[in-house]
Structures are given as structure tokens and as C-alpha cells.
Amino acid sequence: MDLNKNYSFFSIPLAYLMVVGAETYGKMLGVKQLDNANPRQFHETISKSDKVDKITKGRIMRSQAAASNGYETLPLFSGAIIASNIAGVPVSTINMLGLAYLGSRRQYEVALYNVIYIHLQDNRKFAPARSLAWMASIGCWFTLYVQAGLRAMRAS
């Protein structure tokens, strides 16, 4: 992959799909409890259900929490990609930080944040790992904003 070609805008829909992936995973774990006519009640239904074991229930709830976290940070990440492109941050920097963000937040089955959040939290000793993965993802878009701001300031 040539990181001097601008792939950064592709990272925005990929980040969205990762968030949806975490949410979908949780719903698939409790699919028998899902009322598709009232999907927003799913987690309330799960929390009250005696048909779902404690570990699975925890994973379902954490998959929603991971998705919520993703939905909360997605606009900031998207804005950082756009701002850094407009400000003329080097394409290789934007690509690397975009990839680092995606890598720190990847799909529930294959990467860091969602695996830590959904699966490893069965053991509370892994809670600091989740926080570190979250900080790494935040650091990526934060750095893009700083880089964009510095470029814009130099240009004015």
C-alpha cells in the first residue's frame, strides 16, 4: 500500500462499519430476545431476561457500550480526517493516523478495543487495557486536529 496516496476518506465509512459490527455482534448473541419491531428495547429486555447466562448478558451489554463509544467518537474522527485534508497535512501522516485509529478500534472479533471491551472485560483485570486502547484511538484524531491547526496557523 502506497501511503502517499490519499486513502484517508475511506477510513470514515470503515470506522462506521466497525461500530455497527460491535452492535450487530451483541444483537446476534441475543438474537432470540431481539424484537425487531422495537430494537431500542433490546438491552432492557436482555438485562431482565433469565434466558441469557450472565457472561453472555455482560458481553451483549458491553457490545452496546462499545458501539455507543464508537458512535460518540466517530464525528470527531471524521472531522479530523476532513480538517487535516483541508489544511494540507501530509497525506502519509493522515493515512497513518487514520489506520492507527482503525487499528485501535477494529471489529469485535479481530482487534483491540472491541475485543478488550466485549470479551476481556469478563475479567476486570483487563479494564486498564480497554482504557489504553481508547486513549490510543483518541490520540489519533486529536493529533490530526493539532496537525491541521498548526498547518492552518502557518498558512495565515
Protein backbone atom coordinates (compact mmCIF):
# COMPACT_ATOMS: atom_id res chain seq x y z
CA MET A 1 0.00 0.00 0.00
CA ASP A 2 1.42 3.37 -1.05
CA LEU A 3 0.74 5.65 1.93
CA ASN A 4 1.48 8.69 -0.24
CA LYS A 5 -1.86 8.12 -1.99
CA ASN A 6 -4.76 9.59 -0.05
CA TYR A 7 -6.81 6.74 1.37
CA SER A 8 -7.95 8.73 4.40
CA PHE A 9 -11.55 9.35 3.35
CA PHE A 10 -12.10 5.59 3.13
CA SER A 11 -11.33 5.34 6.84
CA ILE A 12 -14.55 7.18 7.75
CA PRO A 13 -17.04 4.58 6.40
CA LEU A 14 -14.74 1.80 7.65
CA ALA A 15 -14.86 3.28 11.15
CA TYR A 16 -18.66 3.40 10.93
CA LEU A 17 -18.84 -0.24 9.83
CA MET A 18 -16.69 -1.23 12.80
CA VAL A 19 -19.11 0.47 15.17
CA VAL A 20 -22.05 -1.27 13.52
CA GLY A 21 -20.11 -4.53 13.75
CA ALA A 22 -19.84 -4.29 17.53
CA GLU A 23 -23.53 -3.52 17.84
CA THR A 24 -24.52 -6.33 15.47
CA TYR A 25 -22.35 -8.81 17.35
CA GLY A 26 -24.20 -8.06 20.59
CA LYS A 27 -27.56 -8.42 18.93
CA MET A 28 -26.54 -11.72 17.37
CA LEU A 29 -25.56 -13.05 20.79
CA GLY A 30 -29.10 -12.39 22.00
CA VAL A 31 -30.99 -12.73 18.72
CA LYS A 32 -33.74 -14.82 20.32
CA GLN A 33 -34.51 -11.89 22.63
CA LEU A 34 -34.48 -9.26 19.85
CA ASP A 35 -37.83 -7.72 18.94
CA ASN A 36 -37.11 -6.19 15.55
CA ALA A 37 -40.27 -4.05 15.84
CA ASN A 38 -38.79 -2.44 18.97
CA PRO A 39 -34.99 -2.81 18.73
CA ARG A 40 -34.16 0.03 21.13
CA GLN A 41 -35.62 -2.02 23.97
CA PHE A 42 -33.19 -4.86 23.30
CA HIS A 43 -30.77 -4.10 26.12
CA GLU A 44 -33.55 -3.58 28.63
CA THR A 45 -35.03 -6.92 27.56
CA ILE A 46 -31.64 -8.60 27.90
CA SER A 47 -30.98 -7.13 31.33
CA LYS A 48 -34.32 -8.51 32.59
CA SER A 49 -34.07 -11.87 30.83
CA ASP A 50 -33.48 -15.09 32.75
CA LYS A 51 -32.92 -16.96 29.45
CA VAL A 52 -29.45 -15.46 28.87
CA ASP A 53 -26.48 -16.51 31.04
CA LYS A 54 -24.51 -13.88 32.98
CA ILE A 55 -21.38 -13.95 30.76
CA THR A 56 -23.37 -13.62 27.53
CA LYS A 57 -25.53 -10.90 29.07
CA GLY A 58 -22.38 -8.97 30.03
CA ARG A 59 -20.96 -9.30 26.54
CA ILE A 60 -24.19 -8.11 24.96
CA MET A 61 -24.29 -5.08 27.24
CA ARG A 62 -20.62 -4.29 26.62
CA SER A 63 -21.04 -4.64 22.85
CA GLN A 64 -23.66 -1.90 23.04
CA ALA A 65 -21.36 0.20 25.21
CA ALA A 66 -18.51 -0.26 22.71
CA ALA A 67 -20.85 0.74 19.86
CA SER A 68 -22.07 3.79 21.78
CA ASN A 69 -18.48 4.83 22.38
CA GLY A 70 -17.78 4.43 18.68
CA TYR A 71 -20.81 6.49 17.68
CA GLU A 72 -19.67 9.22 20.11
CA THR A 73 -16.13 9.45 18.69
CA LEU A 74 -16.96 8.91 15.01
CA PRO A 75 -17.87 12.57 14.32
CA LEU A 76 -14.61 13.73 15.92
CA PHE A 77 -12.57 11.26 13.88
CA SER A 78 -14.42 12.19 10.68
CA GLY A 79 -13.88 15.88 11.33
CA ALA A 80 -10.20 15.29 11.98
CA ILE A 81 -9.79 13.49 8.65
CA ILE A 82 -11.56 16.30 6.80
CA ALA A 83 -9.76 19.12 8.66
CA SER A 84 -6.32 17.58 8.14
CA ASN A 85 -7.00 17.15 4.42
CA ILE A 86 -8.21 20.74 4.04
CA ALA A 87 -5.24 22.10 6.00
CA GLY A 88 -2.75 20.18 3.87
CA VAL A 89 -1.34 17.83 6.48
CA PRO A 90 0.94 15.37 4.65
CA VAL A 91 -1.10 12.53 3.20
CA SER A 92 1.17 9.90 4.69
CA THR A 93 0.56 11.36 8.18
CA ILE A 94 -3.21 11.40 7.68
CA ASN A 95 -3.16 7.83 6.35
CA MET A 96 -1.00 6.53 9.21
CA LEU A 97 -3.11 8.17 11.92
CA GLY A 98 -6.32 7.06 10.21
CA LEU A 99 -5.04 3.49 10.07
CA ALA A 100 -3.87 3.68 13.69
CA TYR A 101 -7.35 4.83 14.73
CA LEU A 102 -8.96 1.97 12.83
CA GLY A 103 -6.45 -0.49 14.24
CA SER A 104 -7.14 0.56 17.80
CA ARG A 105 -10.91 0.29 17.37
CA ARG A 106 -11.31 -2.64 14.95
CA GLN A 107 -14.08 -5.20 14.63
CA TYR A 108 -15.19 -7.16 17.63
CA GLU A 109 -13.58 -10.43 16.55
CA VAL A 110 -10.25 -9.26 15.18
CA ALA A 111 -8.83 -6.29 17.02
CA LEU A 112 -8.09 -4.29 20.01
CA TYR A 113 -10.74 -2.04 21.50
CA ASN A 114 -13.86 -4.11 20.85
CA VAL A 115 -12.20 -7.41 21.78
CA ILE A 116 -10.97 -5.87 25.01
CA TYR A 117 -14.28 -4.17 25.71
CA ILE A 118 -16.61 -7.06 24.89
CA HIS A 119 -14.63 -10.21 25.71
CA LEU A 120 -11.78 -9.45 28.08
CA GLN A 121 -13.96 -7.49 30.49
CA ASP A 122 -15.24 -10.84 31.75
CA ASN A 123 -12.08 -10.43 33.84
CA ARG A 124 -11.97 -6.93 35.36
CA LYS A 125 -8.16 -7.03 35.43
CA PHE A 126 -8.26 -6.14 31.73
CA ALA A 127 -10.11 -2.84 32.28
CA PRO A 128 -6.88 -0.79 32.02
CA ALA A 129 -6.20 -2.35 28.58
CA ARG A 130 -9.56 -1.04 27.36
CA SER A 131 -8.69 2.44 28.60
CA LEU A 132 -5.30 2.33 26.86
CA ALA A 133 -6.87 1.28 23.55
CA TRP A 134 -9.44 4.07 23.91
CA MET A 135 -6.70 6.63 24.62
CA ALA A 136 -4.75 5.46 21.58
CA SER A 137 -7.77 5.96 19.31
CA ILE A 138 -8.48 9.40 20.78
CA GLY A 139 -4.81 10.33 20.39
CA CYS A 140 -5.03 9.65 16.64
CA TRP A 141 -7.82 12.09 15.84
CA PHE A 142 -6.53 14.59 18.40
CA THR A 143 -3.13 14.60 16.67
CA LEU A 144 -4.82 15.12 13.30
CA TYR A 145 -6.61 18.20 14.65
CA VAL A 146 -3.37 19.59 16.11
CA GLN A 147 -1.55 18.98 12.82
CA ALA A 148 -4.38 20.67 10.89
CA GLY A 149 -4.38 23.62 13.29
CA LEU A 150 -0.63 24.09 13.01
CA ARG A 151 -0.78 23.95 9.21
CA ALA A 152 -3.65 26.44 9.09
CA MET A 153 -1.88 28.77 11.51
CA ARG A 154 1.32 28.73 9.41
CA ALA A 155 -0.69 29.43 6.24
CA SER A 156 -2.36 32.56 7.65
